[in-house]
N, C-alpha and C. Protein backbone atom coordinates (compact mmCIF):
# COMPACT_ATOMS: atom_id res chain seq x y z
N MET A 1 0.84 -1.19 0.00
CA MET A 1 0.00 0.00 0.00
C MET A 1 0.88 1.25 0.00
N GLU A 2 0.61 2.15 -0.89
CA GLU A 2 1.37 3.39 -0.99
C GLU A 2 0.83 4.42 0.01
N VAL A 3 1.75 5.01 0.75
CA VAL A 3 1.35 6.03 1.71
C VAL A 3 1.37 7.38 1.01
N ARG A 4 0.25 8.07 1.06
CA ARG A 4 0.18 9.40 0.46
C ARG A 4 0.36 10.42 1.58
N ARG A 5 1.28 11.32 1.36
CA ARG A 5 1.56 12.34 2.36
C ARG A 5 1.37 13.71 1.72
N ASP A 6 0.98 14.67 2.54
CA ASP A 6 0.89 16.03 2.04
C ASP A 6 1.58 16.97 3.03
N ALA A 7 1.66 18.21 2.66
CA ALA A 7 2.39 19.20 3.46
C ALA A 7 1.79 19.35 4.86
N PHE A 8 0.52 19.08 5.00
CA PHE A 8 -0.12 19.25 6.30
C PHE A 8 0.27 18.15 7.28
N GLN A 9 0.61 16.98 6.78
CA GLN A 9 1.17 15.95 7.64
C GLN A 9 2.55 16.38 8.14
N ALA A 10 3.26 17.10 7.31
CA ALA A 10 4.59 17.57 7.69
C ALA A 10 4.54 18.49 8.90
N ILE A 11 3.55 19.36 8.94
CA ILE A 11 3.50 20.33 10.03
C ILE A 11 2.65 19.86 11.21
N ALA A 12 2.11 18.64 11.13
CA ALA A 12 1.26 18.12 12.20
C ALA A 12 2.04 17.77 13.46
N ASP A 13 3.33 17.58 13.34
CA ASP A 13 4.16 17.16 14.47
C ASP A 13 5.07 18.30 14.91
N SER A 14 5.18 18.49 16.23
CA SER A 14 5.98 19.61 16.75
C SER A 14 7.47 19.48 16.42
N THR A 15 8.00 18.27 16.40
CA THR A 15 9.41 18.09 16.04
C THR A 15 9.64 18.47 14.58
N ARG A 16 8.72 18.07 13.71
CA ARG A 16 8.87 18.43 12.30
C ARG A 16 8.75 19.93 12.11
N ARG A 17 7.86 20.58 12.85
CA ARG A 17 7.77 22.05 12.76
C ARG A 17 9.08 22.69 13.22
N ALA A 18 9.69 22.12 14.25
CA ALA A 18 10.98 22.64 14.74
C ALA A 18 12.08 22.46 13.70
N ILE A 19 12.07 21.32 13.01
CA ILE A 19 13.06 21.08 11.94
C ILE A 19 12.87 22.09 10.83
N ILE A 20 11.61 22.33 10.44
CA ILE A 20 11.32 23.32 9.41
C ILE A 20 11.84 24.69 9.84
N ALA A 21 11.60 25.05 11.09
CA ALA A 21 12.06 26.35 11.60
C ALA A 21 13.58 26.45 11.54
N LEU A 22 14.28 25.38 11.90
CA LEU A 22 15.74 25.39 11.84
C LEU A 22 16.24 25.57 10.40
N LEU A 23 15.54 24.96 9.46
CA LEU A 23 15.98 25.03 8.08
C LEU A 23 15.65 26.36 7.40
N THR A 24 14.92 27.24 8.08
CA THR A 24 14.73 28.58 7.54
C THR A 24 16.04 29.36 7.56
N ILE A 25 16.96 28.95 8.41
CA ILE A 25 18.27 29.59 8.51
C ILE A 25 19.16 29.19 7.34
N GLY A 26 19.01 27.92 6.91
CA GLY A 26 19.81 27.41 5.81
C GLY A 26 19.84 25.90 5.83
N ALA A 27 20.42 25.30 4.80
CA ALA A 27 20.50 23.85 4.67
C ALA A 27 21.35 23.26 5.79
N MET A 28 20.96 22.06 6.24
CA MET A 28 21.68 21.39 7.32
C MET A 28 21.74 19.89 7.05
N THR A 29 22.74 19.25 7.62
CA THR A 29 22.86 17.80 7.55
C THR A 29 22.00 17.18 8.65
N PRO A 30 21.69 15.89 8.53
CA PRO A 30 20.93 15.23 9.59
C PRO A 30 21.62 15.31 10.95
N ASN A 31 22.94 15.16 10.97
CA ASN A 31 23.66 15.24 12.25
C ASN A 31 23.55 16.63 12.86
N ALA A 32 23.68 17.66 12.05
CA ALA A 32 23.56 19.03 12.55
C ALA A 32 22.16 19.28 13.10
N LEU A 33 21.15 18.76 12.43
CA LEU A 33 19.77 18.91 12.91
C LEU A 33 19.57 18.15 14.22
N ALA A 34 20.09 16.93 14.29
CA ALA A 34 19.90 16.08 15.47
C ALA A 34 20.49 16.71 16.73
N GLU A 35 21.51 17.53 16.58
CA GLU A 35 22.12 18.19 17.74
C GLU A 35 21.14 19.12 18.46
N HIS A 36 20.09 19.53 17.80
CA HIS A 36 19.13 20.46 18.37
C HIS A 36 17.99 19.76 19.12
N PHE A 37 18.01 18.43 19.15
CA PHE A 37 16.92 17.68 19.76
C PHE A 37 17.44 16.68 20.79
N ASP A 38 16.60 16.36 21.76
CA ASP A 38 16.95 15.37 22.77
C ASP A 38 16.71 13.94 22.28
N SER A 39 16.04 13.81 21.14
CA SER A 39 15.76 12.48 20.59
C SER A 39 16.98 11.95 19.85
N SER A 40 16.91 10.68 19.47
CA SER A 40 18.03 10.04 18.79
C SER A 40 18.17 10.55 17.35
N ARG A 41 19.32 10.30 16.79
CA ARG A 41 19.58 10.65 15.39
C ARG A 41 18.62 9.87 14.50
N GLN A 42 18.31 8.63 14.89
CA GLN A 42 17.39 7.80 14.12
C GLN A 42 15.98 8.40 14.12
N ALA A 43 15.54 8.94 15.26
CA ALA A 43 14.22 9.57 15.35
C ALA A 43 14.16 10.80 14.45
N VAL A 44 15.21 11.60 14.46
CA VAL A 44 15.27 12.78 13.59
C VAL A 44 15.25 12.35 12.13
N SER A 45 15.95 11.27 11.81
CA SER A 45 15.96 10.76 10.43
C SER A 45 14.56 10.35 9.97
N LYS A 46 13.77 9.77 10.87
CA LYS A 46 12.40 9.40 10.51
C LYS A 46 11.58 10.65 10.19
N HIS A 47 11.76 11.70 10.97
CA HIS A 47 11.07 12.96 10.69
C HIS A 47 11.52 13.55 9.35
N LEU A 48 12.82 13.47 9.07
CA LEU A 48 13.33 13.97 7.79
C LEU A 48 12.75 13.18 6.63
N LYS A 49 12.58 11.89 6.81
CA LYS A 49 11.99 11.05 5.76
C LYS A 49 10.55 11.49 5.48
N ILE A 50 9.78 11.72 6.53
CA ILE A 50 8.40 12.16 6.35
C ILE A 50 8.35 13.53 5.69
N LEU A 51 9.20 14.44 6.13
CA LEU A 51 9.24 15.78 5.54
C LEU A 51 9.62 15.72 4.06
N THR A 52 10.51 14.82 3.71
CA THR A 52 10.92 14.65 2.32
C THR A 52 9.78 14.04 1.51
N GLU A 53 9.10 13.02 2.07
CA GLU A 53 7.96 12.41 1.39
C GLU A 53 6.82 13.41 1.19
N CYS A 54 6.68 14.35 2.12
CA CYS A 54 5.66 15.39 2.00
C CYS A 54 6.10 16.49 1.04
N GLU A 55 7.33 16.38 0.56
CA GLU A 55 7.93 17.33 -0.37
C GLU A 55 8.12 18.72 0.22
N VAL A 56 8.20 18.78 1.54
CA VAL A 56 8.49 20.05 2.22
C VAL A 56 10.00 20.28 2.22
N LEU A 57 10.77 19.19 2.23
CA LEU A 57 12.22 19.27 2.19
C LEU A 57 12.75 18.64 0.91
N LYS A 58 13.89 19.14 0.50
CA LYS A 58 14.63 18.54 -0.61
C LYS A 58 16.00 18.15 -0.09
N GLN A 59 16.55 17.08 -0.67
CA GLN A 59 17.90 16.63 -0.31
C GLN A 59 18.88 17.07 -1.37
N GLU A 60 20.07 17.40 -0.91
CA GLU A 60 21.15 17.75 -1.85
C GLU A 60 22.43 17.08 -1.38
N GLN A 61 22.99 16.26 -2.24
CA GLN A 61 24.24 15.56 -1.93
C GLN A 61 25.41 16.50 -2.19
N GLN A 62 26.25 16.67 -1.17
CA GLN A 62 27.49 17.46 -1.32
C GLN A 62 28.62 16.61 -0.76
N GLY A 63 29.36 15.98 -1.66
CA GLY A 63 30.41 15.06 -1.21
C GLY A 63 29.77 13.88 -0.50
N ARG A 64 30.22 13.63 0.74
CA ARG A 64 29.68 12.52 1.51
C ARG A 64 28.43 12.90 2.29
N GLU A 65 28.16 14.17 2.38
CA GLU A 65 27.05 14.66 3.20
C GLU A 65 25.78 14.89 2.39
N ILE A 66 24.65 14.69 3.05
CA ILE A 66 23.35 15.05 2.49
C ILE A 66 22.87 16.26 3.26
N TYR A 67 22.51 17.29 2.53
CA TYR A 67 21.97 18.51 3.14
C TYR A 67 20.48 18.58 2.84
N TYR A 68 19.73 18.97 3.84
CA TYR A 68 18.29 19.16 3.67
C TYR A 68 18.00 20.65 3.63
N HIS A 69 17.10 21.04 2.75
CA HIS A 69 16.67 22.43 2.69
C HIS A 69 15.18 22.48 2.37
N LEU A 70 14.56 23.59 2.70
CA LEU A 70 13.12 23.75 2.50
C LEU A 70 12.77 23.88 1.03
N ASP A 71 11.64 23.33 0.67
CA ASP A 71 11.04 23.56 -0.64
C ASP A 71 10.03 24.70 -0.44
N ILE A 72 10.44 25.89 -0.78
CA ILE A 72 9.63 27.08 -0.51
C ILE A 72 8.27 27.00 -1.21
N ASP A 73 8.22 26.42 -2.40
CA ASP A 73 6.94 26.30 -3.12
C ASP A 73 5.93 25.49 -2.32
N LYS A 74 6.38 24.42 -1.69
CA LYS A 74 5.47 23.59 -0.89
C LYS A 74 5.04 24.35 0.37
N MET A 75 5.92 25.15 0.93
CA MET A 75 5.55 25.96 2.10
C MET A 75 4.51 27.01 1.71
N LYS A 76 4.58 27.49 0.48
CA LYS A 76 3.59 28.46 0.00
C LYS A 76 2.20 27.84 -0.09
N VAL A 77 2.13 26.53 -0.39
CA VAL A 77 0.84 25.83 -0.43
C VAL A 77 0.19 25.89 0.95
N ILE A 78 0.98 25.66 1.98
CA ILE A 78 0.47 25.74 3.36
C ILE A 78 0.01 27.16 3.66
N ASP A 79 0.84 28.13 3.30
CA ASP A 79 0.51 29.53 3.55
C ASP A 79 -0.78 29.95 2.84
N GLN A 80 -0.93 29.51 1.61
CA GLN A 80 -2.14 29.87 0.85
C GLN A 80 -3.39 29.29 1.50
N TRP A 81 -3.30 28.08 2.01
CA TRP A 81 -4.45 27.47 2.65
C TRP A 81 -4.79 28.22 3.94
N ILE A 82 -3.77 28.56 4.71
CA ILE A 82 -3.99 29.27 5.98
C ILE A 82 -4.49 30.68 5.74
N SER A 83 -4.09 31.29 4.64
CA SER A 83 -4.46 32.70 4.36
C SER A 83 -5.97 32.91 4.30
N GLN A 84 -6.71 31.90 3.89
CA GLN A 84 -8.16 32.05 3.81
C GLN A 84 -8.78 32.27 5.20
N PHE A 85 -8.07 31.88 6.24
CA PHE A 85 -8.58 32.04 7.60
C PHE A 85 -8.13 33.35 8.26
N ARG A 86 -7.18 34.02 7.65
CA ARG A 86 -6.71 35.29 8.21
C ARG A 86 -7.78 36.36 8.16
N LYS A 87 -8.72 36.24 7.24
CA LYS A 87 -9.79 37.23 7.09
C LYS A 87 -10.85 37.11 8.18
N ILE A 88 -10.89 35.94 8.80
CA ILE A 88 -11.95 35.70 9.82
C ILE A 88 -11.62 36.47 11.08
């Protein structure tokens, strides 16, 4: 069974929202991200996998390291949906 994920699943979890917030500063490796959390590196990797499947993050290989960065277009989808409620 194929799991379908969307951007709203990405922001449903507080750890994933924290990862997104950290990546607003710039691209980071999984190890650099994991340093900001009390959870294991493996737990952070699971969150990164979900964020990537939701297409909120993109991976970029640089040498031996993988860097994660935000997909701004996908974040705009979230913003556009939320914007309809700003008028209320």
